[in-house]
Amino acid sequence: AAFQELFDHEQALKYFQQARELVKEVGEENLKKGMLFILYCNLSVEYEALGDYASAERAIQETEKHMDDVGITGMEMAYQIAKCKLALRKGQSDKVMEYYNDILDEILHWDNMSYFWADIVLITEISIALERYDDLYKLVKKMEETTGKSLRNVSNFYRKLYVQELNIRYYEFIHDEENLQKAEIEYGRLCRKQTEDLLVRRCQGMSGMVNSFENELEKERMNRKIENDQLTGCGNRYKLKQDAPEMITNGIMDKIPIALGIIDVDYFKYVNDTYGHLTGDEYLNLAAKIIRQNVGDYGEVYRYGGDEFVVMLIAEEEEVHRIAKKIKDDILEACLPNEESPEGVITVSQGWVIDIAKVSLQLDDLIRKADRKLYVIKKTGRNGYAIGEE
């Protein structure tokens, strides 16, 4: 469950599979059936997350063999969530909503979410996929009650961090800039407060449970959780703010300008509404891959929110033009269908600013200037890029 909370689905699947073999050796039959029930629920969720829908379906079928032996509400809920996620992946919208509404109604009446935290994480993912942000807000408030104030417990720290990620998603969706800024500040505060000693203790704890894991590998995973967007693998806003001062310093030392670009996927809401959120996720992943390939060693790519990416480069103007054009052309040539787009496929709009690397250069100023360039492109037809010096 620890790996499940950290979205490390490959490792979670590995240990759930090992646990299944151990449980088969349990002598007491009723206990064994209950344990197998919850294990198959979790196996279904992990297979689904990794795209192995056939195995996920088989795990659900195994779960159903033990339904009559389960009497704990949380365990039944795990089964409902597993079915809901699989139905979502298979595009069975009627079943999704049937399962989802029952799950949400039950969860919101729970007094203590702590024991079933992994289930809560899964239902928040479903809420986001369905764009049920009012429901997400209710879930977040319940989760905040569970996490409490202490950061000394490592699990509690990562739960608090996840809650702030959800707050950021919610306030982005409703365009509440004031509360979005507060949530981002709190996210950064939590990350700064989490000391290296806490990460080491986490590594030691995990090493005690799983001897095959080295401390450094575990620390790396913790850092990825803090700094990376879970969908695309790009850096997140927090990492952008952490990286920017160092990149500016490197630009000063190398006497090379700093460039920042905001890249927006055109008509992306139509993709989600027409083809579904899973297709939307696939489009974002491919767009992120294309952008990263073209940026290469010149800089870094960050998912800024929704369908927007920020690119920060240490590069001369000629190179910035080349990269922007290549991103535009490669995404167009990927031929991802979008009937709302004049081209009939996914395109991107880009706003870029280039500035001399200097100590007084601020990330927020670069973002504002790049955003103005992006606005120009979006008002003049999209599927293009504007690059300016400031």
Protein backbone atom coordinates (compact mmCIF):
# COMPACT_ATOMS: atom_id res chain seq x y z
CA ALA A 1 0.00 0.00 0.00
CA ALA A 2 2.96 2.36 0.61
CA PHE A 3 4.03 2.05 -3.03
CA GLN A 4 0.39 2.40 -4.10
CA GLU A 5 0.13 5.74 -2.28
CA LEU A 6 3.31 6.88 -4.07
CA PHE A 7 1.88 5.82 -7.47
CA ASP A 8 4.77 3.37 -7.94
CA HIS A 9 2.48 0.82 -9.60
CA GLU A 10 5.17 -1.60 -10.76
CA GLN A 11 6.56 -2.05 -7.26
CA ALA A 12 3.07 -2.18 -5.73
CA LEU A 13 2.08 -4.93 -8.19
CA LYS A 14 5.26 -6.88 -7.43
CA TYR A 15 4.63 -6.98 -3.70
CA PHE A 16 0.90 -7.63 -3.98
CA GLN A 17 1.76 -10.65 -6.15
CA GLN A 18 4.27 -11.87 -3.56
CA ALA A 19 1.74 -11.33 -0.78
CA ARG A 20 -0.83 -13.40 -2.68
CA GLU A 21 1.49 -16.39 -2.70
CA LEU A 22 2.17 -16.01 1.03
CA VAL A 23 -1.53 -15.71 1.87
CA LYS A 24 -2.24 -19.01 0.12
CA GLU A 25 -0.22 -20.67 2.91
CA VAL A 26 -2.51 -19.27 5.65
CA GLY A 27 -4.18 -22.14 7.50
CA GLU A 28 -7.35 -20.46 8.81
CA GLU A 29 -9.77 -20.54 5.85
CA ASN A 30 -11.97 -17.51 6.61
CA LEU A 31 -8.94 -15.32 7.27
CA LYS A 32 -7.36 -16.51 4.02
CA LYS A 33 -10.49 -15.69 2.00
CA GLY A 34 -10.70 -12.17 3.42
CA MET A 35 -7.02 -11.53 2.72
CA LEU A 36 -7.29 -12.89 -0.83
CA PHE A 37 -10.31 -10.68 -1.44
CA ILE A 38 -8.43 -7.48 -0.61
CA LEU A 39 -5.31 -8.63 -2.46
CA TYR A 40 -7.22 -9.30 -5.68
CA CYS A 41 -8.88 -5.88 -5.37
CA ASN A 42 -5.46 -4.27 -5.18
CA LEU A 43 -4.08 -6.44 -7.97
CA SER A 44 -6.92 -5.31 -10.23
CA VAL A 45 -6.17 -1.66 -9.48
CA GLU A 46 -2.46 -2.06 -10.22
CA TYR A 47 -3.01 -4.06 -13.43
CA GLU A 48 -5.44 -1.36 -14.59
CA ALA A 49 -2.95 1.42 -13.79
CA LEU A 50 -0.30 -0.37 -15.87
CA GLY A 51 -2.69 -0.88 -18.81
CA ASP A 52 -3.09 -4.67 -18.43
CA TYR A 53 -6.89 -4.68 -18.56
CA ALA A 54 -7.24 -8.42 -19.19
CA SER A 55 -5.36 -9.22 -15.97
CA ALA A 56 -7.34 -6.55 -14.14
CA GLU A 57 -10.57 -8.22 -15.27
CA ARG A 58 -9.34 -11.64 -14.13
CA ALA A 59 -8.40 -10.21 -10.73
CA ILE A 60 -11.93 -8.78 -10.39
CA GLN A 61 -13.36 -12.21 -11.18
CA GLU A 62 -11.17 -13.76 -8.48
CA THR A 63 -12.36 -11.09 -6.06
CA GLU A 64 -15.99 -11.96 -6.75
CA LYS A 65 -15.37 -15.56 -5.71
CA HIS A 66 -14.80 -14.31 -2.16
CA MET A 67 -17.57 -11.68 -1.98
CA ASP A 68 -19.75 -13.69 0.40
CA ASP A 69 -16.87 -14.04 2.85
CA VAL A 70 -16.30 -10.30 3.29
CA GLY A 71 -18.07 -8.33 5.99
CA ILE A 72 -15.96 -5.19 6.35
CA THR A 73 -17.26 -2.07 4.62
CA GLY A 74 -13.79 -0.84 3.64
CA MET A 75 -13.01 -4.14 1.97
CA GLU A 76 -16.24 -4.04 -0.01
CA MET A 77 -15.36 -0.47 -0.98
CA ALA A 78 -12.01 -1.60 -2.38
CA TYR A 79 -13.92 -3.96 -4.69
CA GLN A 80 -16.30 -1.21 -5.85
CA ILE A 81 -13.39 1.14 -6.57
CA ALA A 82 -11.53 -1.52 -8.53
CA LYS A 83 -14.62 -2.12 -10.67
CA CYS A 84 -15.15 1.63 -11.16
CA LYS A 85 -11.57 2.24 -12.32
CA LEU A 86 -11.70 -0.68 -14.74
CA ALA A 87 -15.05 0.51 -16.16
CA LEU A 88 -13.55 4.00 -16.58
CA ARG A 89 -10.63 2.59 -18.55
CA LYS A 90 -12.99 0.56 -20.74
CA GLY A 91 -15.23 3.58 -21.45
CA GLN A 92 -18.31 2.10 -19.75
CA SER A 93 -19.71 5.47 -18.65
CA ASP A 94 -23.03 4.19 -17.25
CA LYS A 95 -21.30 1.67 -15.00
CA VAL A 96 -18.71 4.24 -13.95
CA MET A 97 -21.33 6.67 -12.69
CA GLU A 98 -23.32 3.93 -10.98
CA TYR A 99 -20.27 2.72 -9.06
CA TYR A 100 -18.90 6.22 -8.49
CA ASN A 101 -22.02 7.69 -6.90
CA ASP A 102 -22.39 4.75 -4.51
CA ILE A 103 -18.70 4.92 -3.54
CA LEU A 104 -18.71 8.67 -2.98
CA ASP A 105 -21.86 8.60 -0.85
CA GLU A 106 -20.37 5.89 1.36
CA ILE A 107 -16.93 7.48 1.72
CA LEU A 108 -18.21 10.93 2.65
CA HIS A 109 -19.98 9.38 5.63
CA TRP A 110 -16.85 7.70 7.01
CA ASP A 111 -15.61 9.08 10.32
CA ASN A 112 -11.99 8.02 9.87
CA MET A 113 -10.34 7.81 6.45
CA SER A 114 -6.88 7.00 7.71
CA TYR A 115 -7.10 3.21 7.50
CA PHE A 116 -8.52 3.29 3.97
CA TRP A 117 -6.30 6.08 2.62
CA ALA A 118 -5.24 4.16 -0.51
CA ASP A 119 -8.92 3.78 -1.45
CA ILE A 120 -9.49 7.52 -0.97
CA VAL A 121 -6.57 8.30 -3.28
CA LEU A 122 -8.11 6.09 -5.97
CA ILE A 123 -11.53 7.75 -5.75
CA THR A 124 -9.94 11.23 -5.98
CA GLU A 125 -8.25 10.09 -9.22
CA ILE A 126 -11.65 9.03 -10.55
CA SER A 127 -13.21 12.37 -9.50
CA ILE A 128 -10.50 14.24 -11.44
CA ALA A 129 -10.92 12.01 -14.51
CA LEU A 130 -14.67 12.71 -14.47
CA GLU A 131 -14.08 16.42 -13.74
CA ARG A 132 -16.29 16.13 -10.67
CA TYR A 133 -14.42 18.90 -8.90
CA ASP A 134 -17.18 19.70 -6.41
CA ASP A 135 -16.89 16.10 -5.24
CA LEU A 136 -13.10 16.44 -5.16
CA TYR A 137 -13.42 19.47 -2.89
CA LYS A 138 -15.57 17.49 -0.44
CA LEU A 139 -13.09 14.62 -0.44
CA VAL A 140 -10.16 16.98 0.14
CA LYS A 141 -11.86 18.51 3.17
CA LYS A 142 -12.40 15.05 4.64
CA MET A 143 -8.78 14.14 3.88
CA GLU A 144 -7.52 17.29 5.60
CA GLU A 145 -9.35 16.21 8.77
CA THR A 146 -7.52 12.88 8.63
CA THR A 147 -3.98 14.18 8.08
CA GLY A 148 -3.89 16.35 11.22
CA LYS A 149 -1.03 18.69 12.03
CA SER A 150 2.02 16.51 12.63
CA LEU A 151 4.72 16.14 9.98
CA ARG A 152 6.88 13.87 12.12
CA ASN A 153 5.17 10.80 10.70
CA VAL A 154 6.44 10.19 7.17
CA SER A 155 3.17 8.77 5.85
CA ASN A 156 1.34 11.80 7.21
CA PHE A 157 3.75 14.13 5.44
CA TYR A 158 3.15 12.53 2.04
CA ARG A 159 -0.58 12.53 2.66
CA LYS A 160 -0.47 16.26 3.39
CA LEU A 161 1.57 16.77 0.24
CA TYR A 162 -1.00 14.85 -1.82
CA VAL A 163 -3.85 16.90 -0.32
CA GLN A 164 -2.10 20.10 -1.43
CA GLU A 165 -1.66 18.67 -4.94
CA LEU A 166 -5.42 18.11 -5.01
CA ASN A 167 -6.06 21.64 -3.75
CA ILE A 168 -3.89 22.97 -6.59
CA ARG A 169 -5.84 20.92 -9.14
CA TYR A 170 -9.16 22.14 -7.72
CA TYR A 171 -8.28 25.84 -7.62
CA GLU A 172 -6.78 25.63 -11.12
CA PHE A 173 -10.03 24.16 -12.41
CA ILE A 174 -12.26 26.85 -10.86
CA HIS A 175 -9.73 29.63 -11.75
CA ASP A 176 -9.39 30.80 -8.15
CA GLU A 177 -5.98 32.47 -8.44
CA GLU A 178 -5.85 33.68 -4.84
CA ASN A 179 -6.40 30.26 -3.27
CA LEU A 180 -4.28 28.60 -5.96
CA GLN A 181 -1.35 30.74 -4.90
CA LYS A 182 -1.96 29.88 -1.24
CA ALA A 183 -2.05 26.15 -2.05
CA GLU A 184 1.20 26.41 -4.04
CA ILE A 185 2.88 28.26 -1.18
CA GLU A 186 1.73 25.61 1.30
CA TYR A 187 2.98 22.88 -1.04
CA GLY A 188 6.39 24.51 -1.19
CA ARG A 189 6.43 25.04 2.58
CA LEU A 190 5.75 21.36 3.20
CA CYS A 191 8.52 20.34 0.83
CA ARG A 192 11.04 22.65 2.45
CA LYS A 193 10.04 21.52 5.92
CA GLN A 194 10.64 17.89 5.04
CA THR A 195 14.27 17.42 5.98
CA GLU A 196 16.86 15.02 4.66
CA ASP A 197 16.70 13.22 7.99
CA LEU A 198 13.02 12.46 7.42
CA LEU A 199 13.78 11.02 4.01
CA VAL A 200 16.53 8.86 5.49
CA ARG A 201 14.16 7.54 8.16
CA ARG A 202 11.65 6.73 5.44
CA CYS A 203 14.33 4.85 3.55
CA GLN A 204 15.34 2.95 6.66
CA GLY A 205 11.75 2.01 7.35
CA MET A 206 11.19 0.78 3.83
CA SER A 207 14.50 -1.09 3.89
CA GLY A 208 13.37 -2.87 7.02
CA MET A 209 10.31 -4.15 5.16
CA VAL A 210 11.94 -4.77 1.81
CA ASN A 211 15.59 -5.76 2.04
CA SER A 212 16.16 -5.48 -1.71
CA PHE A 213 15.73 -1.70 -1.70
CA GLU A 214 18.73 0.54 -1.18
CA ASN A 215 18.33 3.82 0.71
CA GLU A 216 19.51 5.97 -2.17
CA LEU A 217 16.97 4.47 -4.54
CA GLU A 218 14.20 5.12 -2.05
CA LYS A 219 15.32 8.72 -1.56
CA GLU A 220 15.25 9.20 -5.30
CA ARG A 221 11.67 7.94 -5.43
CA MET A 222 10.65 10.34 -2.66
CA ASN A 223 12.19 13.25 -4.52
CA ARG A 224 10.42 12.26 -7.74
CA LYS A 225 7.13 12.22 -5.88
CA ILE A 226 7.73 15.75 -4.63
CA GLU A 227 9.05 17.23 -7.87
CA ASN A 228 7.41 15.40 -10.78
CA ASP A 229 3.99 15.52 -12.37
CA GLN A 230 2.47 12.08 -11.86
CA LEU A 231 0.83 11.89 -15.31
CA THR A 232 3.58 13.03 -17.69
CA GLY A 233 6.76 12.61 -15.67
CA CYS A 234 7.68 16.24 -16.33
CA GLY A 235 8.69 18.49 -13.48
CA ASN A 236 5.85 20.23 -11.65
CA ARG A 237 5.43 23.85 -10.54
CA TYR A 238 7.43 23.23 -7.40
CA LYS A 239 10.38 21.86 -9.36
CA LEU A 240 10.20 24.79 -11.81
CA LYS A 241 10.51 27.23 -8.93
CA GLN A 242 13.37 25.19 -7.47
CA ASP A 243 15.25 24.94 -10.80
CA ALA A 244 14.82 28.51 -12.08
CA PRO A 245 17.47 30.26 -9.90
CA GLU A 246 20.10 27.65 -10.76
CA MET A 247 19.34 27.88 -14.49
CA ILE A 248 19.59 31.67 -14.38
CA THR A 249 22.92 31.38 -12.55
CA ASN A 250 24.20 28.95 -15.19
CA GLY A 251 23.10 31.37 -17.91
CA ILE A 252 25.02 34.17 -16.23
CA MET A 253 28.16 32.05 -15.95
CA ASP A 254 27.93 30.83 -19.56
CA LYS A 255 26.86 34.29 -20.85
CA ILE A 256 23.91 32.72 -22.66
CA PRO A 257 20.33 34.12 -22.60
CA ILE A 258 17.46 32.53 -20.69
CA ALA A 259 14.34 31.59 -22.66
CA LEU A 260 10.99 30.60 -21.19
CA GLY A 261 8.09 29.25 -23.20
CA ILE A 262 4.49 28.45 -22.30
CA ILE A 263 3.01 25.75 -24.52
CA ASP A 264 -0.75 25.25 -24.57
CA VAL A 265 -2.54 22.32 -26.26
CA ASP A 266 -5.20 23.88 -28.51
CA TYR A 267 -8.88 23.01 -28.01
CA PHE A 268 -7.96 20.44 -25.38
CA LYS A 269 -11.29 20.60 -23.55
CA TYR A 270 -12.94 19.28 -26.72
CA VAL A 271 -10.65 16.23 -26.59
CA ASN A 272 -11.75 15.38 -23.06
CA ASP A 273 -15.42 16.01 -23.84
CA THR A 274 -15.42 14.05 -27.11
CA TYR A 275 -12.85 11.28 -26.78
CA GLY A 276 -12.73 10.90 -22.99
CA HIS A 277 -10.24 11.80 -20.29
CA LEU A 278 -8.12 8.73 -20.80
CA THR A 279 -7.52 9.75 -24.41
CA GLY A 280 -6.79 13.24 -23.12
CA ASP A 281 -4.17 11.79 -20.79
CA GLU A 282 -2.59 9.90 -23.70
CA TYR A 283 -2.45 13.12 -25.75
CA LEU A 284 -0.79 15.01 -22.89
CA ASN A 285 1.75 12.24 -22.41
CA LEU A 286 2.67 12.24 -26.10
CA ALA A 287 2.84 16.05 -26.20
CA ALA A 288 5.16 15.99 -23.16
CA LYS A 289 7.36 13.37 -24.82
CA ILE A 290 7.65 15.42 -28.04
CA ILE A 291 8.47 18.59 -26.13
CA ARG A 292 11.13 16.86 -24.02
CA GLN A 293 12.73 15.27 -27.08
CA ASN A 294 13.09 18.63 -28.80
CA VAL A 295 14.28 20.51 -25.72
CA GLY A 296 17.01 17.95 -25.12
CA ASP A 297 19.98 19.24 -23.14
CA TYR A 298 19.08 22.89 -23.63
CA GLY A 299 16.72 22.99 -20.65
CA GLU A 300 13.83 21.42 -18.75
CA VAL A 301 10.11 20.81 -19.30
CA TYR A 302 7.44 21.26 -16.62
CA ARG A 303 3.72 20.60 -16.55
CA TYR A 304 2.34 23.91 -15.35
CA GLY A 305 -1.25 22.78 -15.00
CA GLY A 306 -3.99 21.20 -17.09
CA ASP A 307 -2.90 21.28 -20.73
CA GLU A 308 -0.11 23.82 -20.26
CA PHE A 309 3.63 23.15 -20.20
CA VAL A 310 6.46 25.52 -19.33
CA VAL A 311 9.87 25.13 -20.95
CA MET A 312 12.95 26.86 -19.58
CA LEU A 313 16.06 26.99 -21.76
CA ILE A 314 19.59 28.31 -21.67
CA ALA A 315 19.88 29.06 -25.38
CA GLU A 316 20.47 31.69 -28.05
CA GLU A 317 17.51 33.08 -29.98
CA GLU A 318 18.24 31.03 -33.11
CA GLU A 319 18.08 27.80 -31.10
CA VAL A 320 14.83 28.86 -29.41
CA HIS A 321 13.25 29.44 -32.84
CA ARG A 322 14.41 26.02 -34.01
CA ILE A 323 13.04 24.24 -30.94
CA ALA A 324 9.68 26.06 -31.06
CA LYS A 325 9.20 25.26 -34.77
CA LYS A 326 10.18 21.61 -34.28
CA ILE A 327 7.71 21.21 -31.39
CA LYS A 328 4.95 22.75 -33.52
CA ASP A 329 5.71 20.53 -36.52
CA ASP A 330 6.20 17.28 -34.59
CA ILE A 331 2.95 17.59 -32.65
CA LEU A 332 1.07 18.40 -35.86
CA GLU A 333 2.65 15.38 -37.57
CA ALA A 334 1.63 13.10 -34.68
CA CYS A 335 -1.89 13.32 -36.20
CA LEU A 336 -3.83 12.98 -32.93
CA PRO A 337 -7.49 13.49 -33.91
CA ASN A 338 -9.32 16.62 -32.74
CA GLU A 339 -12.32 17.63 -34.80
CA GLU A 340 -12.58 21.03 -33.11
CA SER A 341 -9.17 22.05 -34.46
CA PRO A 342 -9.11 23.65 -37.95
CA GLU A 343 -6.35 21.17 -38.84
CA GLY A 344 -8.45 18.23 -37.60
CA VAL A 345 -5.64 17.13 -35.29
CA ILE A 346 -3.98 18.27 -32.09
CA THR A 347 -1.89 21.44 -32.35
CA VAL A 348 -0.14 23.68 -29.82
CA SER A 349 0.22 27.41 -29.28
CA GLN A 350 3.49 28.74 -27.85
CA GLY A 351 4.50 32.00 -26.25
CA TRP A 352 8.24 32.56 -25.70
CA VAL A 353 10.33 35.26 -24.10
CA ILE A 354 14.13 35.60 -24.25
CA ASP A 355 16.04 37.68 -21.73
CA ILE A 356 19.64 38.31 -20.76
CA ALA A 357 20.64 36.12 -17.83
CA LYS A 358 21.15 38.43 -14.87
CA VAL A 359 20.81 38.33 -11.09
CA SER A 360 17.65 40.47 -11.11
CA LEU A 361 15.81 38.10 -13.51
CA GLN A 362 12.69 36.64 -11.85
CA LEU A 363 10.70 33.56 -12.86
CA ASP A 364 7.33 35.24 -12.34
CA ASP A 365 8.31 38.08 -14.70
CA LEU A 366 9.34 35.61 -17.41
CA ILE A 367 6.06 33.72 -17.06
CA ARG A 368 3.99 36.91 -17.33
CA LYS A 369 5.86 38.02 -20.46
CA ALA A 370 5.64 34.58 -22.10
CA ASP A 371 1.93 34.46 -21.27
CA ARG A 372 1.40 37.72 -23.16
CA LYS A 373 3.12 36.20 -26.21
CA LEU A 374 0.92 33.12 -25.91
CA TYR A 375 -2.18 35.34 -25.81
CA VAL A 376 -1.17 36.90 -29.13
CA ILE A 377 -0.92 33.48 -30.82
CA LYS A 378 -4.22 32.26 -29.40
CA LYS A 379 -5.98 35.37 -30.64
CA THR A 380 -4.54 35.05 -34.16
CA GLY A 381 -5.40 31.48 -35.02
CA ARG A 382 -3.36 29.21 -32.68
CA ASN A 383 -1.05 26.45 -33.96
CA GLY A 384 1.93 28.75 -33.91
CA TYR A 385 4.52 30.45 -31.77
CA ALA A 386 5.54 33.99 -30.87
CA ILE A 387 9.06 34.73 -29.63
CA GLY A 388 10.14 38.08 -28.25
CA GLU A 389 13.03 39.66 -26.43
CA GLU A 390 12.30 41.58 -23.24
